[in-house]
């Protein structure tokens, strides 16, 4: 590579096989852009570090002894990046020909873009819903209370169920699975808030950019396959919910009113009880949505 235009940062944890497929897709598809790959391994115990060193010795590798969390891992990768653009890519992604070049080209040639996401497909190549509105007290309370498990229509607006995934358009937030920004913007806004361990860090970043007049763009003319949260499928429901709640409360403290933040705090113990009950229903294959 003569000149690196793009730095692809992948934070990974215990998904060696999926990461290998991700790296293979990056290096064995036509991209028409000079790019580097930086893998930040968060203390995997499944041979990920050995695999990267053995099969991809030219990839920059940061091997943490323990799990630093997603936001901190992204900062570690960004600190080593030399590209003009930063792409934060999940470890369970497959890219297609020219996904990288198309998204960077659109970003570079479109004024006022702060973050760009692209079309995301499930493993069976159906559309994966990846665009949401910014969180509000109402929709986050619905999620905490688990009411959406019984009445999914309560979250139609937040989940943007009416969104047209065939059109390029400005949105509130895009999924962090494919999260493109420029190095200048990343540095200017301080990157992801490191107080987020996992979840909401990309939402907070989009919100801060949006509040300063920059645009968040959904780009429909390129696509990826996302196998979907593979790293954190390894966690049980209750620990996962506790991590999610911690990030939600921190986001609420930054962006909600003091009263809304207090009310969400008070509701957390009830949420954990609901989470346990819903997990029991799932265990016995009882679907409350039916």
C-alpha atoms as a PDB file:
ATOM      1  CA  UNK A   1       0.000   0.000   0.000  1.00  0.00           C
ATOM      2  CA  UNK A   2       1.487   3.286  -1.085  1.00  0.00           C
ATOM      3  CA  UNK A   3      -0.594   5.638   1.042  1.00  0.00           C
ATOM      4  CA  UNK A   4      -3.089   4.636   3.705  1.00  0.00           C
ATOM      5  CA  UNK A   5      -6.411   6.436   3.266  1.00  0.00           C
ATOM      6  CA  UNK A   6      -8.435   4.304   5.685  1.00  0.00           C
ATOM      7  CA  UNK A   7      -7.698   2.594   8.980  1.00  0.00           C
ATOM      8  CA  UNK A   8     -10.037  -0.315   9.798  1.00  0.00           C
ATOM      9  CA  UNK A   9     -10.191  -0.888  13.555  1.00  0.00           C
ATOM     10  CA  UNK A  10     -11.618  -4.202  14.777  1.00  0.00           C
ATOM     11  CA  UNK A  11     -12.107  -4.827  18.487  1.00  0.00           C
ATOM     12  CA  UNK A  12     -12.485  -8.559  19.084  1.00  0.00           C
ATOM     13  CA  UNK A  13     -13.247 -10.924  21.924  1.00  0.00           C
ATOM     14  CA  UNK A  14     -13.368 -14.743  21.694  1.00  0.00           C
ATOM     15  CA  UNK A  15     -14.714 -15.115  18.148  1.00  0.00           C
ATOM     16  CA  UNK A  16     -11.572 -16.381  16.427  1.00  0.00           C
ATOM     17  CA  UNK A  17     -13.346 -18.162  13.554  1.00  0.00           C
ATOM     18  CA  UNK A  18     -15.601 -15.212  12.729  1.00  0.00           C
ATOM     19  CA  UNK A  19     -12.717 -12.745  12.973  1.00  0.00           C
ATOM     20  CA  UNK A  20     -10.674 -14.872  10.564  1.00  0.00           C
ATOM     21  CA  UNK A  21     -13.542 -14.775   8.053  1.00  0.00           C
ATOM     22  CA  UNK A  22     -13.858 -11.016   8.539  1.00  0.00           C
ATOM     23  CA  UNK A  23     -10.152 -10.457   7.869  1.00  0.00           C
ATOM     24  CA  UNK A  24     -10.246 -12.769   4.871  1.00  0.00           C
ATOM     25  CA  UNK A  25     -13.136 -10.798   3.364  1.00  0.00           C
ATOM     26  CA  UNK A  26     -11.307  -7.519   3.844  1.00  0.00           C
ATOM     27  CA  UNK A  27      -8.110  -8.768   2.222  1.00  0.00           C
ATOM     28  CA  UNK A  28      -9.627 -10.869  -0.553  1.00  0.00           C
ATOM     29  CA  UNK A  29     -12.196  -8.504  -2.019  1.00  0.00           C
ATOM     30  CA  UNK A  30     -11.657  -5.625  -4.408  1.00  0.00           C
ATOM     31  CA  UNK A  31     -11.763  -2.371  -2.451  1.00  0.00           C
ATOM     32  CA  UNK A  32      -9.968   0.245  -4.630  1.00  0.00           C
ATOM     33  CA  UNK A  33      -8.634   2.080  -1.607  1.00  0.00           C
ATOM     34  CA  UNK A  34      -5.412   1.842   0.346  1.00  0.00           C
ATOM     35  CA  UNK A  35      -6.207   0.714   3.871  1.00  0.00           C
ATOM     36  CA  UNK A  36      -4.666  -0.800   6.953  1.00  0.00           C
ATOM     37  CA  UNK A  37      -6.229  -3.172   9.477  1.00  0.00           C
ATOM     38  CA  UNK A  38      -5.767  -2.860  13.234  1.00  0.00           C
ATOM     39  CA  UNK A  39      -7.054  -5.681  15.438  1.00  0.00           C
ATOM     40  CA  UNK A  40      -7.490  -4.974  19.135  1.00  0.00           C
ATOM     41  CA  UNK A  41      -7.942  -8.246  20.996  1.00  0.00           C
ATOM     42  CA  UNK A  42      -9.618  -7.851  24.369  1.00  0.00           C
ATOM     43  CA  UNK A  43      -8.063 -10.768  26.201  1.00  0.00           C
ATOM     44  CA  UNK A  44      -9.471 -13.624  24.119  1.00  0.00           C
ATOM     45  CA  UNK A  45      -8.810 -17.182  25.287  1.00  0.00           C
ATOM     46  CA  UNK A  46      -9.697 -18.910  22.008  1.00  0.00           C
ATOM     47  CA  UNK A  47      -6.441 -18.500  20.070  1.00  0.00           C
ATOM     48  CA  UNK A  48      -7.373 -15.221  18.367  1.00  0.00           C
ATOM     49  CA  UNK A  49      -3.968 -13.602  18.962  1.00  0.00           C
ATOM     50  CA  UNK A  50      -2.110 -16.632  17.638  1.00  0.00           C
ATOM     51  CA  UNK A  51      -4.370 -16.793  14.561  1.00  0.00           C
ATOM     52  CA  UNK A  52      -3.768 -13.141  13.639  1.00  0.00           C
ATOM     53  CA  UNK A  53      -0.006 -13.415  14.183  1.00  0.00           C
ATOM     54  CA  UNK A  54       0.229 -16.657  12.203  1.00  0.00           C
ATOM     55  CA  UNK A  55      -2.096 -15.975   9.268  1.00  0.00           C
ATOM     56  CA  UNK A  56      -2.031 -12.171   9.022  1.00  0.00           C
ATOM     57  CA  UNK A  57       1.425 -11.029  10.193  1.00  0.00           C
ATOM     58  CA  UNK A  58       1.110  -7.689   8.381  1.00  0.00           C
ATOM     59  CA  UNK A  59      -1.956  -6.655  10.369  1.00  0.00           C
ATOM     60  CA  UNK A  60      -1.333  -4.356  13.322  1.00  0.00           C
ATOM     61  CA  UNK A  61      -2.241  -6.290  16.469  1.00  0.00           C
ATOM     62  CA  UNK A  62      -2.863  -4.981  19.965  1.00  0.00           C
ATOM     63  CA  UNK A  63      -3.222  -7.857  22.433  1.00  0.00           C
ATOM     64  CA  UNK A  64      -4.781  -6.817  25.739  1.00  0.00           C
ATOM     65  CA  UNK A  65      -4.387  -9.105  28.713  1.00  0.00           C
ATOM     66  CA  UNK A  66      -7.990  -8.521  29.750  1.00  0.00           C
ATOM     67  CA  UNK A  67     -11.205  -7.095  28.298  1.00  0.00           C
ATOM     68  CA  UNK A  68     -10.863  -3.321  28.128  1.00  0.00           C
ATOM     69  CA  UNK A  69     -14.359  -2.840  26.733  1.00  0.00           C
ATOM     70  CA  UNK A  70     -15.356  -1.693  23.267  1.00  0.00           C
ATOM     71  CA  UNK A  71     -14.875   2.065  23.607  1.00  0.00           C
ATOM     72  CA  UNK A  72     -11.389   1.805  25.108  1.00  0.00           C
ATOM     73  CA  UNK A  73     -10.423  -0.817  22.537  1.00  0.00           C
ATOM     74  CA  UNK A  74     -11.491   1.530  19.743  1.00  0.00           C
ATOM     75  CA  UNK A  75      -9.319   4.273  21.208  1.00  0.00           C
ATOM     76  CA  UNK A  76      -6.339   1.924  21.326  1.00  0.00           C
ATOM     77  CA  UNK A  77      -6.812   1.149  17.647  1.00  0.00           C
ATOM     78  CA  UNK A  78      -7.428   4.773  16.667  1.00  0.00           C
ATOM     79  CA  UNK A  79      -4.241   5.828  18.453  1.00  0.00           C
ATOM     80  CA  UNK A  80      -2.246   3.502  16.164  1.00  0.00           C
ATOM     81  CA  UNK A  81      -4.154   4.490  12.997  1.00  0.00           C
ATOM     82  CA  UNK A  82      -2.444   6.454  10.239  1.00  0.00           C
ATOM     83  CA  UNK A  83      -5.401   6.743   7.831  1.00  0.00           C
ATOM     84  CA  UNK A  84      -7.386   9.898   7.113  1.00  0.00           C
ATOM     85  CA  UNK A  85     -10.555   7.952   7.861  1.00  0.00           C
ATOM     86  CA  UNK A  86     -11.439   5.539  10.654  1.00  0.00           C
ATOM     87  CA  UNK A  87     -13.754   2.578  10.184  1.00  0.00           C
ATOM     88  CA  UNK A  88     -14.805   0.787  13.363  1.00  0.00           C
ATOM     89  CA  UNK A  89     -15.839  -2.669  12.206  1.00  0.00           C
ATOM     90  CA  UNK A  90     -17.311  -5.492  14.254  1.00  0.00           C
ATOM     91  CA  UNK A  91     -15.389  -8.754  14.335  1.00  0.00           C
ATOM     92  CA  UNK A  92     -18.315 -10.716  12.856  1.00  0.00           C
ATOM     93  CA  UNK A  93     -18.611  -8.756   9.590  1.00  0.00           C
ATOM     94  CA  UNK A  94     -18.191  -9.858   5.979  1.00  0.00           C
ATOM     95  CA  UNK A  95     -17.540  -7.063   3.479  1.00  0.00           C
ATOM     96  CA  UNK A  96     -18.264  -7.164  -0.243  1.00  0.00           C
ATOM     97  CA  UNK A  97     -16.352  -5.708  -3.187  1.00  0.00           C
ATOM     98  CA  UNK A  98     -15.810  -1.940  -2.897  1.00  0.00           C
ATOM     99  CA  UNK A  99     -17.725  -1.563   0.359  1.00  0.00           C
ATOM    100  CA  UNK A 100     -14.812   0.387   1.819  1.00  0.00           C
ATOM    101  CA  UNK A 101     -14.095   2.559  -1.210  1.00  0.00           C
ATOM    102  CA  UNK A 102     -17.742   3.448  -1.848  1.00  0.00           C
ATOM    103  CA  UNK A 103     -18.440   4.531   1.713  1.00  0.00           C
ATOM    104  CA  UNK A 104     -15.225   6.531   2.061  1.00  0.00           C
ATOM    105  CA  UNK A 105     -15.774   8.199  -1.324  1.00  0.00           C
ATOM    106  CA  UNK A 106     -19.303   9.262  -0.369  1.00  0.00           C
ATOM    107  CA  UNK A 107     -18.120  10.556   2.999  1.00  0.00           C
ATOM    108  CA  UNK A 108     -15.254  12.491   1.436  1.00  0.00           C
ATOM    109  CA  UNK A 109     -17.396  14.088  -1.287  1.00  0.00           C
ATOM    110  CA  UNK A 110     -20.434  15.003   0.843  1.00  0.00           C
ATOM    111  CA  UNK A 111     -20.399  18.124   2.962  1.00  0.00           C
ATOM    112  CA  UNK A 112     -21.054  18.111   6.699  1.00  0.00           C
ATOM    113  CA  UNK A 113     -20.950  14.326   7.231  1.00  0.00           C
ATOM    114  CA  UNK A 114     -19.795  13.282  10.686  1.00  0.00           C
ATOM    115  CA  UNK A 115     -20.551   9.558  10.707  1.00  0.00           C
ATOM    116  CA  UNK A 116     -21.570   7.134   7.979  1.00  0.00           C
ATOM    117  CA  UNK A 117     -23.085   3.676   8.260  1.00  0.00           C
ATOM    118  CA  UNK A 118     -24.003   1.317   5.452  1.00  0.00           C
ATOM    119  CA  UNK A 119     -26.611  -1.307   4.571  1.00  0.00           C
ATOM    120  CA  UNK A 120     -26.312  -4.276   6.919  1.00  0.00           C
ATOM    121  CA  UNK A 121     -27.538  -7.746   6.010  1.00  0.00           C
ATOM    122  CA  UNK A 122     -28.244 -10.762   8.201  1.00  0.00           C
ATOM    123  CA  UNK A 123     -26.458 -14.036   7.551  1.00  0.00           C
ATOM    124  CA  UNK A 124     -29.252 -15.002   5.142  1.00  0.00           C
ATOM    125  CA  UNK A 125     -28.831 -11.652   3.344  1.00  0.00           C
ATOM    126  CA  UNK A 126     -32.116 -10.189   4.539  1.00  0.00           C
ATOM    127  CA  UNK A 127     -32.044  -6.595   5.774  1.00  0.00           C
ATOM    128  CA  UNK A 128     -30.817  -6.142   9.336  1.00  0.00           C
ATOM    129  CA  UNK A 129     -32.495  -3.160  10.962  1.00  0.00           C
ATOM    130  CA  UNK A 130     -29.626  -0.856  11.863  1.00  0.00           C
ATOM    131  CA  UNK A 131     -31.107   2.645  12.122  1.00  0.00           C
ATOM    132  CA  UNK A 132     -32.806   4.035  15.230  1.00  0.00           C
ATOM    133  CA  UNK A 133     -33.949   7.349  16.606  1.00  0.00           C
ATOM    134  CA  UNK A 134     -32.031   8.888  19.469  1.00  0.00           C
ATOM    135  CA  UNK A 135     -33.064   7.339  22.802  1.00  0.00           C
ATOM    136  CA  UNK A 136     -35.719   9.130  24.845  1.00  0.00           C
ATOM    137  CA  UNK A 137     -36.942   8.565  28.374  1.00  0.00           C
ATOM    138  CA  UNK A 138     -40.171   7.046  27.022  1.00  0.00           C
ATOM    139  CA  UNK A 139     -38.630   4.349  24.823  1.00  0.00           C
ATOM    140  CA  UNK A 140     -35.875   3.466  27.287  1.00  0.00           C
ATOM    141  CA  UNK A 141     -38.471   3.045  30.039  1.00  0.00           C
ATOM    142  CA  UNK A 142     -40.465   0.745  27.746  1.00  0.00           C
ATOM    143  CA  UNK A 143     -37.347  -1.328  27.129  1.00  0.00           C
ATOM    144  CA  UNK A 144     -36.456  -1.517  30.825  1.00  0.00           C
ATOM    145  CA  UNK A 145     -39.993  -2.540  31.741  1.00  0.00           C
ATOM    146  CA  UNK A 146     -39.947  -5.230  29.012  1.00  0.00           C
ATOM    147  CA  UNK A 147     -43.347  -4.024  27.810  1.00  0.00           C
ATOM    148  CA  UNK A 148     -42.167  -4.262  24.209  1.00  0.00           C
ATOM    149  CA  UNK A 149     -42.040  -8.038  24.643  1.00  0.00           C
ATOM    150  CA  UNK A 150     -45.828  -7.935  24.926  1.00  0.00           C
ATOM    151  CA  UNK A 151     -46.639  -4.850  22.808  1.00  0.00           C
ATOM    152  CA  UNK A 152     -43.936  -4.379  20.142  1.00  0.00           C
ATOM    153  CA  UNK A 153     -45.795  -1.411  18.652  1.00  0.00           C
ATOM    154  CA  UNK A 154     -44.709   0.722  21.614  1.00  0.00           C
ATOM    155  CA  UNK A 155     -41.233   1.004  20.054  1.00  0.00           C
ATOM    156  CA  UNK A 156     -42.156   1.548  16.411  1.00  0.00           C
ATOM    157  CA  UNK A 157     -40.875   5.142  16.385  1.00  0.00           C
ATOM    158  CA  UNK A 158     -37.651   4.445  18.281  1.00  0.00           C
ATOM    159  CA  UNK A 159     -36.806   1.386  16.164  1.00  0.00           C
ATOM    160  CA  UNK A 160     -37.691   3.239  12.942  1.00  0.00           C
ATOM    161  CA  UNK A 161     -39.877   0.413  11.650  1.00  0.00           C
ATOM    162  CA  UNK A 162     -40.929   2.682   8.781  1.00  0.00           C
ATOM    163  CA  UNK A 163     -37.363   3.253   7.597  1.00  0.00           C
ATOM    164  CA  UNK A 164     -36.569   2.762   3.906  1.00  0.00           C
ATOM    165  CA  UNK A 165     -33.266   0.893   3.736  1.00  0.00           C
ATOM    166  CA  UNK A 166     -33.020   1.377  -0.037  1.00  0.00           C
ATOM    167  CA  UNK A 167     -32.353   5.151   0.164  1.00  0.00           C
ATOM    168  CA  UNK A 168     -29.359   7.231   1.251  1.00  0.00           C
ATOM    169  CA  UNK A 169     -30.568   9.599   3.962  1.00  0.00           C
ATOM    170  CA  UNK A 170     -29.677  11.439   7.155  1.00  0.00           C
ATOM    171  CA  UNK A 171     -30.586   9.655  10.380  1.00  0.00           C
ATOM    172  CA  UNK A 172     -30.131  10.031  14.140  1.00  0.00           C
ATOM    173  CA  UNK A 173     -27.830   7.060  14.656  1.00  0.00           C
ATOM    174  CA  UNK A 174     -26.382   4.085  12.796  1.00  0.00           C
ATOM    175  CA  UNK A 175     -25.326   0.748  14.215  1.00  0.00           C
ATOM    176  CA  UNK A 176     -21.735   0.551  15.391  1.00  0.00           C
ATOM    177  CA  UNK A 177     -21.088  -2.632  13.388  1.00  0.00           C
ATOM    178  CA  UNK A 178     -19.878  -0.455  10.479  1.00  0.00           C
ATOM    179  CA  UNK A 179     -19.083   3.003  11.786  1.00  0.00           C
ATOM    180  CA  UNK A 180     -17.117   5.335   9.520  1.00  0.00           C
ATOM    181  CA  UNK A 181     -15.808   8.745  10.516  1.00  0.00           C
ATOM    182  CA  UNK A 182     -12.781  10.896   9.750  1.00  0.00           C
ATOM    183  CA  UNK A 183      -9.670  11.007  11.915  1.00  0.00           C
ATOM    184  CA  UNK A 184     -10.108  14.777  12.272  1.00  0.00           C
ATOM    185  CA  UNK A 185     -13.679  14.451  13.559  1.00  0.00           C
ATOM    186  CA  UNK A 186     -12.705  11.611  15.900  1.00  0.00           C
ATOM    187  CA  UNK A 187      -9.934  13.704  17.414  1.00  0.00           C
ATOM    188  CA  UNK A 188     -12.028  16.895  17.547  1.00  0.00           C
ATOM    189  CA  UNK A 189     -14.814  15.205  19.515  1.00  0.00           C
ATOM    190  CA  UNK A 190     -12.567  13.040  21.671  1.00  0.00           C
ATOM    191  CA  UNK A 191     -13.723   9.770  20.132  1.00  0.00           C
ATOM    192  CA  UNK A 192     -16.028   7.441  22.030  1.00  0.00           C
ATOM    193  CA  UNK A 193     -16.581   8.290  25.690  1.00  0.00           C
ATOM    194  CA  UNK A 194     -14.413   5.737  27.510  1.00  0.00           C
ATOM    195  CA  UNK A 195     -16.877   5.618  30.412  1.00  0.00           C
ATOM    196  CA  UNK A 196     -19.033   3.360  28.223  1.00  0.00           C
ATOM    197  CA  UNK A 197     -17.799  -0.221  28.566  1.00  0.00           C
ATOM    198  CA  UNK A 198     -20.104  -1.604  25.885  1.00  0.00           C
ATOM    199  CA  UNK A 199     -23.269  -0.235  24.225  1.00  0.00           C
ATOM    200  CA  UNK A 200     -24.402   3.363  23.704  1.00  0.00           C
ATOM    201  CA  UNK A 201     -20.893   4.642  22.952  1.00  0.00           C
ATOM    202  CA  UNK A 202     -21.684   5.053  19.247  1.00  0.00           C
ATOM    203  CA  UNK A 203     -25.116   6.541  20.061  1.00  0.00           C
ATOM    204  CA  UNK A 204     -23.486   9.108  22.335  1.00  0.00           C
ATOM    205  CA  UNK A 205     -20.908   9.936  19.651  1.00  0.00           C
ATOM    206  CA  UNK A 206     -23.658  10.440  17.039  1.00  0.00           C
ATOM    207  CA  UNK A 207     -25.649  12.592  19.475  1.00  0.00           C
ATOM    208  CA  UNK A 208     -22.690  14.840  20.249  1.00  0.00           C
ATOM    209  CA  UNK A 209     -21.927  15.316  16.550  1.00  0.00           C
ATOM    210  CA  UNK A 210     -25.591  15.886  15.721  1.00  0.00           C
ATOM    211  CA  UNK A 211     -25.899  18.530  18.451  1.00  0.00           C
ATOM    212  CA  UNK A 212     -22.997  20.397  16.816  1.00  0.00           C
ATOM    213  CA  UNK A 213     -24.667  20.353  13.397  1.00  0.00           C
ATOM    214  CA  UNK A 214     -22.887  17.416  11.765  1.00  0.00           C
ATOM    215  CA  UNK A 215     -24.904  14.805   9.871  1.00  0.00           C
ATOM    216  CA  UNK A 216     -25.207  11.074  10.469  1.00  0.00           C
ATOM    217  CA  UNK A 217     -25.689   9.318   7.131  1.00  0.00           C
ATOM    218  CA  UNK A 218     -27.147   5.937   6.240  1.00  0.00           C
ATOM    219  CA  UNK A 219     -25.541   4.884   2.944  1.00  0.00           C
ATOM    220  CA  UNK A 220     -27.557   2.290   1.027  1.00  0.00           C
ATOM    221  CA  UNK A 221     -25.303   1.746  -2.003  1.00  0.00           C
ATOM    222  CA  UNK A 222     -22.887  -0.648  -0.293  1.00  0.00           C
ATOM    223  CA  UNK A 223     -23.507  -3.509   2.096  1.00  0.00           C
ATOM    224  CA  UNK A 224     -22.001  -5.935   4.588  1.00  0.00           C
ATOM    225  CA  UNK A 225     -23.081  -9.123   6.332  1.00  0.00           C
ATOM    226  CA  UNK A 226     -23.295  -8.901  10.124  1.00  0.00           C
ATOM    227  CA  UNK A 227     -23.647 -12.147  12.047  1.00  0.00           C
ATOM    228  CA  UNK A 228     -24.933 -10.135  14.986  1.00  0.00           C
ATOM    229  CA  UNK A 229     -23.304  -9.560  18.373  1.00  0.00           C
ATOM    230  CA  UNK A 230     -21.370 -12.801  18.365  1.00  0.00           C
ATOM    231  CA  UNK A 231     -18.985 -11.798  21.157  1.00  0.00           C
ATOM    232  CA  UNK A 232     -21.718 -10.897  23.606  1.00  0.00           C
ATOM    233  CA  UNK A 233     -23.928 -13.872  22.813  1.00  0.00           C
ATOM    234  CA  UNK A 234     -21.527 -15.645  25.135  1.00  0.00           C
ATOM    235  CA  UNK A 235     -22.970 -13.775  28.121  1.00  0.00           C
ATOM    236  CA  UNK A 236     -26.019 -14.827  30.082  1.00  0.00           C
ATOM    237  CA  UNK A 237     -29.110 -12.592  30.100  1.00  0.00           C
ATOM    238  CA  UNK A 238     -28.747 -11.056  33.560  1.00  0.00           C
ATOM    239  CA  UNK A 239     -25.041 -10.034  33.339  1.00  0.00           C
ATOM    240  CA  UNK A 240     -25.701  -8.664  29.856  1.00  0.00           C
ATOM    241  CA  UNK A 241     -28.656  -6.631  31.156  1.00  0.00           C
ATOM    242  CA  UNK A 242     -26.564  -5.199  34.000  1.00  0.00           C
ATOM    243  CA  UNK A 243     -23.943  -3.970  31.518  1.00  0.00           C
ATOM    244  CA  UNK A 244     -26.638  -2.531  29.283  1.00  0.00           C
ATOM    245  CA  UNK A 245     -28.259  -0.741  32.226  1.00  0.00           C
ATOM    246  CA  UNK A 246     -24.961   0.791  33.299  1.00  0.00           C
ATOM    247  CA  UNK A 247     -24.407   2.241  29.831  1.00  0.00           C
ATOM    248  CA  UNK A 248     -28.007   3.423  29.541  1.00  0.00           C
ATOM    249  CA  UNK A 249     -27.816   5.255  32.865  1.00  0.00           C
ATOM    250  CA  UNK A 250     -24.577   6.943  31.867  1.00  0.00           C
ATOM    251  CA  UNK A 251     -26.117   8.010  28.552  1.00  0.00           C
ATOM    252  CA  UNK A 252     -29.206   9.285  30.394  1.00  0.00           C
ATOM    253  CA  UNK A 253     -27.025  11.252  32.796  1.00  0.00           C
ATOM    254  CA  UNK A 254     -25.404  12.995  29.827  1.00  0.00           C
ATOM    255  CA  UNK A 255     -28.455  13.573  27.628  1.00  0.00           C
ATOM    256  CA  UNK A 256     -31.690  13.296  29.672  1.00  0.00           C
ATOM    257  CA  UNK A 257     -33.118  15.618  32.305  1.00  0.00           C
ATOM    258  CA  UNK A 258     -32.168  15.113  35.958  1.00  0.00           C
ATOM    259  CA  UNK A 259     -35.666  13.854  36.744  1.00  0.00           C
ATOM    260  CA  UNK A 260     -35.629  11.329  33.904  1.00  0.00           C
ATOM    261  CA  UNK A 261     -32.209  10.100  34.989  1.00  0.00           C
ATOM    262  CA  UNK A 262     -33.444   9.670  38.572  1.00  0.00           C
ATOM    263  CA  UNK A 263     -36.575   7.780  37.500  1.00  0.00           C
ATOM    264  CA  UNK A 264     -34.577   5.362  35.353  1.00  0.00           C
ATOM    265  CA  UNK A 265     -32.221   4.725  38.291  1.00  0.00           C
ATOM    266  CA  UNK A 266     -35.139   3.916  40.565  1.00  0.00           C
ATOM    267  CA  UNK A 267     -36.553   1.463  38.030  1.00  0.00           C
ATOM    268  CA  UNK A 268     -33.359  -0.578  37.520  1.00  0.00           C
ATOM    269  CA  UNK A 269     -34.038  -3.156  40.322  1.00  0.00           C
ATOM    270  CA  UNK A 270     -37.480  -3.861  38.857  1.00  0.00           C
ATOM    271  CA  UNK A 271     -35.914  -4.222  35.426  1.00  0.00           C
ATOM    272  CA  UNK A 272     -33.556  -6.926  36.695  1.00  0.00           C
ATOM    273  CA  UNK A 273     -36.518  -8.867  38.095  1.00  0.00           C
ATOM    274  CA  UNK A 274     -38.326  -8.551  34.746  1.00  0.00           C
ATOM    275  CA  UNK A 275     -35.177  -9.665  32.921  1.00  0.00           C
ATOM    276  CA  UNK A 276     -35.013 -12.800  35.058  1.00  0.00           C
ATOM    277  CA  UNK A 277     -38.692 -13.579  34.411  1.00  0.00           C
ATOM    278  CA  UNK A 278     -38.384 -13.060  30.654  1.00  0.00           C
ATOM    279  CA  UNK A 279     -35.304 -15.307  30.579  1.00  0.00           C
ATOM    280  CA  UNK A 280     -37.370 -18.014  32.288  1.00  0.00           C
ATOM    281  CA  UNK A 281     -40.046 -17.664  29.597  1.00  0.00           C
ATOM    282  CA  UNK A 282     -37.367 -17.948  26.924  1.00  0.00           C
ATOM    283  CA  UNK A 283     -35.924 -21.030  28.587  1.00  0.00           C
ATOM    284  CA  UNK A 284     -39.288 -22.770  28.275  1.00  0.00           C
ATOM    285  CA  UNK A 285     -39.832 -21.436  24.725  1.00  0.00           C
ATOM    286  CA  UNK A 286     -42.723 -19.240  25.808  1.00  0.00           C
ATOM    287  CA  UNK A 287     -42.912 -16.210  23.524  1.00  0.00           C
ATOM    288  CA  UNK A 288     -44.878 -13.359  25.146  1.00  0.00           C
ATOM    289  CA  UNK A 289     -45.239 -11.624  21.768  1.00  0.00           C
ATOM    290  CA  UNK A 290     -47.561 -14.385  20.541  1.00  0.00           C
END
